[in-house]
Amino acid sequence: MKIVGAVAVLLEARGRVPQRTVIVVRDAACVAAARRYWDVARRGSTTCAARRRGAAA
C-alpha cells in the first residue's frame, strides 16, 4: 500500500506470478481508511535504531 498525497492509494493485488497488478483508488473514504491504518501501524512500530539501543519491541 502506498498513500499518494492525500488523494489516492496504490494497492497491490495478487495476480498471476510473476505479474503484479496495481490498483489506484481515489475514493475519499478509502484514502481516509488507508491513512488511519498507516497511523495506527506507525504508532505500534519502532525504528531499527531504537531496537539497536534496546527500546521495547
C-alpha atoms as a PDB file:
ATOM      1  CA  MET A   1       0.000   0.000   0.000  1.00  0.00           C
ATOM      2  CA  LYS A   2       1.237   3.454  -0.856  1.00  0.00           C
ATOM      3  CA  ILE A   3      -0.572   6.651   0.001  1.00  0.00           C
ATOM      4  CA  VAL A   4      -0.095   9.260  -2.717  1.00  0.00           C
ATOM      5  CA  GLY A   5      -0.526  12.678  -1.211  1.00  0.00           C
ATOM      6  CA  ALA A   6      -3.957  12.791   0.316  1.00  0.00           C
ATOM      7  CA  VAL A   7      -5.743  11.916  -2.895  1.00  0.00           C
ATOM      8  CA  ALA A   8      -5.011   8.296  -3.828  1.00  0.00           C
ATOM      9  CA  VAL A   9      -3.911   4.916  -2.537  1.00  0.00           C
ATOM     10  CA  LEU A  10      -1.950   2.382  -4.572  1.00  0.00           C
ATOM     11  CA  LEU A  11      -2.880  -1.174  -3.684  1.00  0.00           C
ATOM     12  CA  GLU A  12      -1.043  -4.224  -4.968  1.00  0.00           C
ATOM     13  CA  ALA A  13      -3.351  -7.029  -5.964  1.00  0.00           C
ATOM     14  CA  ARG A  14      -2.322 -10.613  -6.362  1.00  0.00           C
ATOM     15  CA  GLY A  15      -2.066 -11.594  -9.967  1.00  0.00           C
ATOM     16  CA  ARG A  16      -0.540 -14.465 -11.807  1.00  0.00           C
ATOM     17  CA  VAL A  17       3.086 -14.965 -10.905  1.00  0.00           C
ATOM     18  CA  PRO A  18       5.296 -13.140 -11.914  1.00  0.00           C
ATOM     19  CA  GLN A  19       2.809 -10.453 -12.958  1.00  0.00           C
ATOM     20  CA  ARG A  20       1.664  -7.845 -10.493  1.00  0.00           C
ATOM     21  CA  THR A  21      -1.408  -5.682 -10.589  1.00  0.00           C
ATOM     22  CA  VAL A  22      -1.600  -2.250  -9.002  1.00  0.00           C
ATOM     23  CA  ILE A  23      -4.948  -0.638  -8.304  1.00  0.00           C
ATOM     24  CA  VAL A  24      -5.216   3.143  -7.946  1.00  0.00           C
ATOM     25  CA  VAL A  25      -8.071   4.101  -5.613  1.00  0.00           C
ATOM     26  CA  ARG A  26      -9.146   7.732  -5.317  1.00  0.00           C
ATOM     27  CA  ASP A  27     -12.286   7.269  -3.217  1.00  0.00           C
ATOM     28  CA  ALA A  28     -12.092   9.673  -0.270  1.00  0.00           C
ATOM     29  CA  ALA A  29     -13.340   7.078   2.251  1.00  0.00           C
ATOM     30  CA  CYS A  30     -10.714   4.552   1.112  1.00  0.00           C
ATOM     31  CA  VAL A  31      -7.913   7.130   1.262  1.00  0.00           C
ATOM     32  CA  ALA A  32      -9.010   8.138   4.779  1.00  0.00           C
ATOM     33  CA  ALA A  33      -9.141   4.489   5.904  1.00  0.00           C
ATOM     34  CA  ALA A  34      -5.660   3.866   4.488  1.00  0.00           C
ATOM     35  CA  ARG A  35      -4.343   6.893   6.362  1.00  0.00           C
ATOM     36  CA  ARG A  36      -5.892   5.703   9.634  1.00  0.00           C
ATOM     37  CA  TYR A  37      -4.378   2.238   9.098  1.00  0.00           C
ATOM     38  CA  TRP A  38      -0.956   3.766   8.396  1.00  0.00           C
ATOM     39  CA  ASP A  39      -1.111   5.980  11.509  1.00  0.00           C
ATOM     40  CA  VAL A  40      -2.010   3.011  13.751  1.00  0.00           C
ATOM     41  CA  ALA A  41       0.748   0.873  12.224  1.00  0.00           C
ATOM     42  CA  ARG A  42       3.324   3.611  12.818  1.00  0.00           C
ATOM     43  CA  ARG A  43       2.270   4.072  16.455  1.00  0.00           C
ATOM     44  CA  GLY A  44       2.871   0.368  17.047  1.00  0.00           C
ATOM     45  CA  SER A  45       6.298   0.267  15.421  1.00  0.00           C
ATOM     46  CA  THR A  46       9.860   1.076  16.410  1.00  0.00           C
ATOM     47  CA  THR A  47      12.808   2.142  14.307  1.00  0.00           C
ATOM     48  CA  CYS A  48      15.809  -0.083  13.690  1.00  0.00           C
ATOM     49  CA  ALA A  49      17.967   2.445  15.554  1.00  0.00           C
ATOM     50  CA  ALA A  50      15.665   2.241  18.598  1.00  0.00           C
ATOM     51  CA  ARG A  51      15.855  -1.554  18.542  1.00  0.00           C
ATOM     52  CA  ARG A  52      19.659  -1.413  18.492  1.00  0.00           C
ATOM     53  CA  ARG A  53      19.554   0.855  21.536  1.00  0.00           C
ATOM     54  CA  GLY A  54      17.363  -1.698  23.330  1.00  0.00           C
ATOM     55  CA  ALA A  55      13.996   0.010  23.066  1.00  0.00           C
ATOM     56  CA  ALA A  56      10.877  -2.118  23.577  1.00  0.00           C
ATOM     57  CA  ALA A  57       9.835  -4.097  20.537  1.00  0.00           C
END
